[in-house]
Amino acid sequence: MAATTPLHRIADPAEIAQAALFLASDRSSFTTGSELFADGGEVQVFPAAVR
């Protein structure tokens, strides 16, 4: 699976947690109508995987 991402590695659990914490924090208060992908760029390479 790591070979399919542009970063060539699997996310560290702390990296996923940081993305979730950002969305739950006041720092994301001006963020609307967005999707935050914490997938190492896999969606950019395989966009059909999102569907």
PDB file of N, CA and C in Angstrom:
ATOM      1  N   MET A   1       0.820  -1.194   0.000  1.00  0.00           N
ATOM      2  CA  MET A   1       0.000   0.000   0.000  1.00  0.00           C
ATOM      3  C   MET A   1       0.868   1.264   0.000  1.00  0.00           C
ATOM      4  N   ALA A   2       1.969   1.253   0.711  1.00  0.00           N
ATOM      5  CA  ALA A   2       2.822   2.437   0.769  1.00  0.00           C
ATOM      6  C   ALA A   2       3.333   2.824  -0.611  1.00  0.00           C
ATOM      7  N   ALA A   3       3.561   1.856  -1.461  1.00  0.00           N
ATOM      8  CA  ALA A   3       4.088   2.149  -2.794  1.00  0.00           C
ATOM      9  C   ALA A   3       3.087   2.892  -3.669  1.00  0.00           C
ATOM     10  N   THR A   4       1.797   2.853  -3.329  1.00  0.00           N
ATOM     11  CA  THR A   4       0.780   3.516  -4.151  1.00  0.00           C
ATOM     12  C   THR A   4       0.599   4.989  -3.808  1.00  0.00           C
ATOM     13  N   THR A   5       1.198   5.463  -2.728  1.00  0.00           N
ATOM     14  CA  THR A   5       1.047   6.865  -2.360  1.00  0.00           C
ATOM     15  C   THR A   5       2.246   7.672  -2.852  1.00  0.00           C
ATOM     16  N   PRO A   6       2.031   8.919  -3.212  1.00  0.00           N
ATOM     17  CA  PRO A   6       3.152   9.743  -3.649  1.00  0.00           C
ATOM     18  C   PRO A   6       4.241   9.892  -2.580  1.00  0.00           C
ATOM     19  N   LEU A   7       3.889   9.790  -1.316  1.00  0.00           N
ATOM     20  CA  LEU A   7       4.895   9.905  -0.254  1.00  0.00           C
ATOM     21  C   LEU A   7       5.615   8.586   0.012  1.00  0.00           C
ATOM     22  N   HIS A   8       5.135   7.509  -0.598  1.00  0.00           N
ATOM     23  CA  HIS A   8       5.745   6.179  -0.480  1.00  0.00           C
ATOM     24  C   HIS A   8       5.878   5.701   0.964  1.00  0.00           C
ATOM     25  N   ARG A   9       4.874   6.013   1.773  1.00  0.00           N
ATOM     26  CA  ARG A   9       4.859   5.518   3.149  1.00  0.00           C
ATOM     27  C   ARG A   9       3.437   5.559   3.682  1.00  0.00           C
ATOM     28  N   ILE A  10       3.219   4.815   4.733  1.00  0.00           N
ATOM     29  CA  ILE A  10       1.936   4.808   5.423  1.00  0.00           C
ATOM     30  C   ILE A  10       1.962   5.907   6.482  1.00  0.00           C
ATOM     31  N   ALA A  11       0.836   6.534   6.716  1.00  0.00           N
ATOM     32  CA  ALA A  11       0.765   7.600   7.712  1.00  0.00           C
ATOM     33  C   ALA A  11       1.025   7.066   9.110  1.00  0.00           C
ATOM     34  N   ASP A  12       1.697   7.865   9.872  1.00  0.00           N
ATOM     35  CA  ASP A  12       1.855   7.584  11.295  1.00  0.00           C
ATOM     36  C   ASP A  12       0.523   7.916  11.958  1.00  0.00           C
ATOM     37  N   PRO A  13       0.062   7.120  12.914  1.00  0.00           N
ATOM     38  CA  PRO A  13      -1.224   7.429  13.571  1.00  0.00           C
ATOM     39  C   PRO A  13      -1.288   8.855  14.125  1.00  0.00           C
ATOM     40  N   ALA A  14      -0.168   9.380  14.562  1.00  0.00           N
ATOM     41  CA  ALA A  14      -0.157  10.754  15.078  1.00  0.00           C
ATOM     42  C   ALA A  14      -0.478  11.766  13.984  1.00  0.00           C
ATOM     43  N   GLU A  15      -0.106  11.477  12.750  1.00  0.00           N
ATOM     44  CA  GLU A  15      -0.411  12.387  11.639  1.00  0.00           C
ATOM     45  C   GLU A  15      -1.915  12.437  11.377  1.00  0.00           C
ATOM     46  N   ILE A  16      -2.570  11.295  11.449  1.00  0.00           N
ATOM     47  CA  ILE A  16      -4.025  11.253  11.277  1.00  0.00           C
ATOM     48  C   ILE A  16      -4.703  11.964  12.442  1.00  0.00           C
ATOM     49  N   ALA A  17      -4.189  11.735  13.645  1.00  0.00           N
ATOM     50  CA  ALA A  17      -4.751  12.389  14.834  1.00  0.00           C
ATOM     51  C   ALA A  17      -4.625  13.903  14.735  1.00  0.00           C
ATOM     52  N   GLN A  18      -3.500  14.394  14.216  1.00  0.00           N
ATOM     53  CA  GLN A  18      -3.313  15.841  14.072  1.00  0.00           C
ATOM     54  C   GLN A  18      -4.328  16.447  13.105  1.00  0.00           C
ATOM     55  N   ALA A  19      -4.650  15.724  12.052  1.00  0.00           N
ATOM     56  CA  ALA A  19      -5.663  16.214  11.109  1.00  0.00           C
ATOM     57  C   ALA A  19      -7.025  16.292  11.791  1.00  0.00           C
ATOM     58  N   ALA A  20      -7.378  15.265  12.563  1.00  0.00           N
ATOM     59  CA  ALA A  20      -8.655  15.267  13.280  1.00  0.00           C
ATOM     60  C   ALA A  20      -8.686  16.356  14.340  1.00  0.00           C
ATOM     61  N   LEU A  21      -7.595  16.526  15.052  1.00  0.00           N
ATOM     62  CA  LEU A  21      -7.531  17.577  16.073  1.00  0.00           C
ATOM     63  C   LEU A  21      -7.656  18.961  15.462  1.00  0.00           C
ATOM     64  N   PHE A  22      -7.063  19.164  14.302  1.00  0.00           N
ATOM     65  CA  PHE A  22      -7.205  20.454  13.620  1.00  0.00           C
ATOM     66  C   PHE A  22      -8.672  20.742  13.327  1.00  0.00           C
ATOM     67  N   LEU A  23      -9.375  19.761  12.776  1.00  0.00           N
ATOM     68  CA  LEU A  23     -10.784  19.970  12.430  1.00  0.00           C
ATOM     69  C   LEU A  23     -11.650  20.203  13.666  1.00  0.00           C
ATOM     70  N   ALA A  24     -11.268  19.624  14.791  1.00  0.00           N
ATOM     71  CA  ALA A  24     -12.035  19.786  16.027  1.00  0.00           C
ATOM     72  C   ALA A  24     -11.649  21.051  16.796  1.00  0.00           C
ATOM     73  N   SER A  25     -10.606  21.732  16.363  1.00  0.00           N
ATOM     74  CA  SER A  25     -10.105  22.879  17.112  1.00  0.00           C
ATOM     75  C   SER A  25     -10.658  24.201  16.580  1.00  0.00           C
ATOM     76  N   ASP A  26     -10.399  25.242  17.350  1.00  0.00           N
ATOM     77  CA  ASP A  26     -10.778  26.592  16.928  1.00  0.00           C
ATOM     78  C   ASP A  26      -9.952  27.058  15.727  1.00  0.00           C
ATOM     79  N   ARG A  27      -8.811  26.431  15.483  1.00  0.00           N
ATOM     80  CA  ARG A  27      -7.964  26.827  14.348  1.00  0.00           C
ATOM     81  C   ARG A  27      -8.661  26.563  13.011  1.00  0.00           C
ATOM     82  N   SER A  28      -9.658  25.703  13.005  1.00  0.00           N
ATOM     83  CA  SER A  28     -10.373  25.419  11.757  1.00  0.00           C
ATOM     84  C   SER A  28     -11.701  26.175  11.678  1.00  0.00           C
ATOM     85  N   SER A  29     -11.868  27.181  12.524  1.00  0.00           N
ATOM     86  CA  SER A  29     -13.153  27.886  12.594  1.00  0.00           C
ATOM     87  C   SER A  29     -13.551  28.579  11.293  1.00  0.00           C
ATOM     88  N   PHE A  30     -12.607  28.899  10.439  1.00  0.00           N
ATOM     89  CA  PHE A  30     -12.912  29.574   9.177  1.00  0.00           C
ATOM     90  C   PHE A  30     -12.904  28.595   8.007  1.00  0.00           C
ATOM     91  N   THR A  31     -12.772  27.315   8.294  1.00  0.00           N
ATOM     92  CA  THR A  31     -12.754  26.272   7.275  1.00  0.00           C
ATOM     93  C   THR A  31     -14.172  25.779   7.035  1.00  0.00           C
ATOM     94  N   THR A  32     -14.677  25.951   5.828  1.00  0.00           N
ATOM     95  CA  THR A  32     -16.022  25.488   5.496  1.00  0.00           C
ATOM     96  C   THR A  32     -16.020  24.830   4.129  1.00  0.00           C
ATOM     97  N   GLY A  33     -16.865  23.848   3.966  1.00  0.00           N
ATOM     98  CA  GLY A  33     -17.055  23.215   2.667  1.00  0.00           C
ATOM     99  C   GLY A  33     -15.798  22.603   2.082  1.00  0.00           C
ATOM    100  N   SER A  34     -14.950  22.085   2.927  1.00  0.00           N
ATOM    101  CA  SER A  34     -13.690  21.517   2.457  1.00  0.00           C
ATOM    102  C   SER A  34     -13.577  20.059   2.873  1.00  0.00           C
ATOM    103  N   GLU A  35     -12.756  19.347   2.143  1.00  0.00           N
ATOM    104  CA  GLU A  35     -12.415  17.985   2.511  1.00  0.00           C
ATOM    105  C   GLU A  35     -10.932  17.965   2.836  1.00  0.00           C
ATOM    106  N   LEU A  36     -10.597  17.352   3.931  1.00  0.00           N
ATOM    107  CA  LEU A  36      -9.203  17.245   4.330  1.00  0.00           C
ATOM    108  C   LEU A  36      -8.778  15.791   4.157  1.00  0.00           C
ATOM    109  N   PHE A  37      -7.936  15.547   3.178  1.00  0.00           N
ATOM    110  CA  PHE A  37      -7.454  14.194   2.918  1.00  0.00           C
ATOM    111  C   PHE A  37      -6.109  14.017   3.606  1.00  0.00           C
ATOM    112  N   ALA A  38      -6.024  13.077   4.491  1.00  0.00           N
ATOM    113  CA  ALA A  38      -4.760  12.733   5.153  1.00  0.00           C
ATOM    114  C   ALA A  38      -4.377  11.344   4.667  1.00  0.00           C
ATOM    115  N   ASP A  39      -4.060  11.268   3.380  1.00  0.00           N
ATOM    116  CA  ASP A  39      -3.826   9.958   2.750  1.00  0.00           C
ATOM    117  C   ASP A  39      -2.505   9.892   1.997  1.00  0.00           C
ATOM    118  N   GLY A  40      -1.629  10.842   2.228  1.00  0.00           N
ATOM    119  CA  GLY A  40      -0.334  10.821   1.556  1.00  0.00           C
ATOM    120  C   GLY A  40      -0.396  11.131   0.078  1.00  0.00           C
ATOM    121  N   GLY A  41      -1.494  11.691  -0.388  1.00  0.00           N
ATOM    122  CA  GLY A  41      -1.647  12.052  -1.788  1.00  0.00           C
ATOM    123  C   GLY A  41      -2.275  10.973  -2.645  1.00  0.00           C
ATOM    124  N   GLU A  42      -2.740   9.889  -2.049  1.00  0.00           N
ATOM    125  CA  GLU A  42      -3.298   8.779  -2.824  1.00  0.00           C
ATOM    126  C   GLU A  42      -4.505   9.210  -3.660  1.00  0.00           C
ATOM    127  N   VAL A  43      -5.332  10.098  -3.140  1.00  0.00           N
ATOM    128  CA  VAL A  43      -6.512  10.548  -3.884  1.00  0.00           C
ATOM    129  C   VAL A  43      -6.112  11.303  -5.141  1.00  0.00           C
ATOM    130  N   GLN A  44      -4.995  11.994  -5.104  1.00  0.00           N
ATOM    131  CA  GLN A  44      -4.529  12.717  -6.288  1.00  0.00           C
ATOM    132  C   GLN A  44      -4.085  11.749  -7.376  1.00  0.00           C
ATOM    133  N   VAL A  45      -3.603  10.582  -6.984  1.00  0.00           N
ATOM    134  CA  VAL A  45      -3.135   9.602  -7.947  1.00  0.00           C
ATOM    135  C   VAL A  45      -4.289   8.710  -8.421  1.00  0.00           C
ATOM    136  N   PHE A  46      -5.174   8.349  -7.485  1.00  0.00           N
ATOM    137  CA  PHE A  46      -6.300   7.472  -7.784  1.00  0.00           C
ATOM    138  C   PHE A  46      -7.603   8.144  -7.392  1.00  0.00           C
ATOM    139  N   PRO A  47      -8.049   9.206  -8.081  1.00  0.00           N
ATOM    140  CA  PRO A  47      -9.241   9.939  -7.671  1.00  0.00           C
ATOM    141  C   PRO A  47     -10.511   9.104  -7.675  1.00  0.00           C
ATOM    142  N   ALA A  48     -10.581   8.054  -8.465  1.00  0.00           N
ATOM    143  CA  ALA A  48     -11.781   7.219  -8.489  1.00  0.00           C
ATOM    144  C   ALA A  48     -11.963   6.462  -7.180  1.00  0.00           C
ATOM    145  N   ALA A  49     -10.924   6.330  -6.388  1.00  0.00           N
ATOM    146  CA  ALA A  49     -11.022   5.625  -5.112  1.00  0.00           C
ATOM    147  C   ALA A  49     -11.891   6.372  -4.107  1.00  0.00           C
ATOM    148  N   VAL A  50     -12.107   7.669  -4.328  1.00  0.00           N
ATOM    149  CA  VAL A  50     -12.924   8.469  -3.414  1.00  0.00           C
ATOM    150  C   VAL A  50     -14.401   8.145  -3.588  1.00  0.00           C
ATOM    151  N   ARG A  51     -14.789   7.778  -4.770  1.00  0.00           N
ATOM    152  CA  ARG A  51     -16.208   7.542  -5.057  1.00  0.00           C
ATOM    153  C   ARG A  51     -16.729   6.331  -4.397  1.00  0.00           C
TER     154      ARG A  51
END
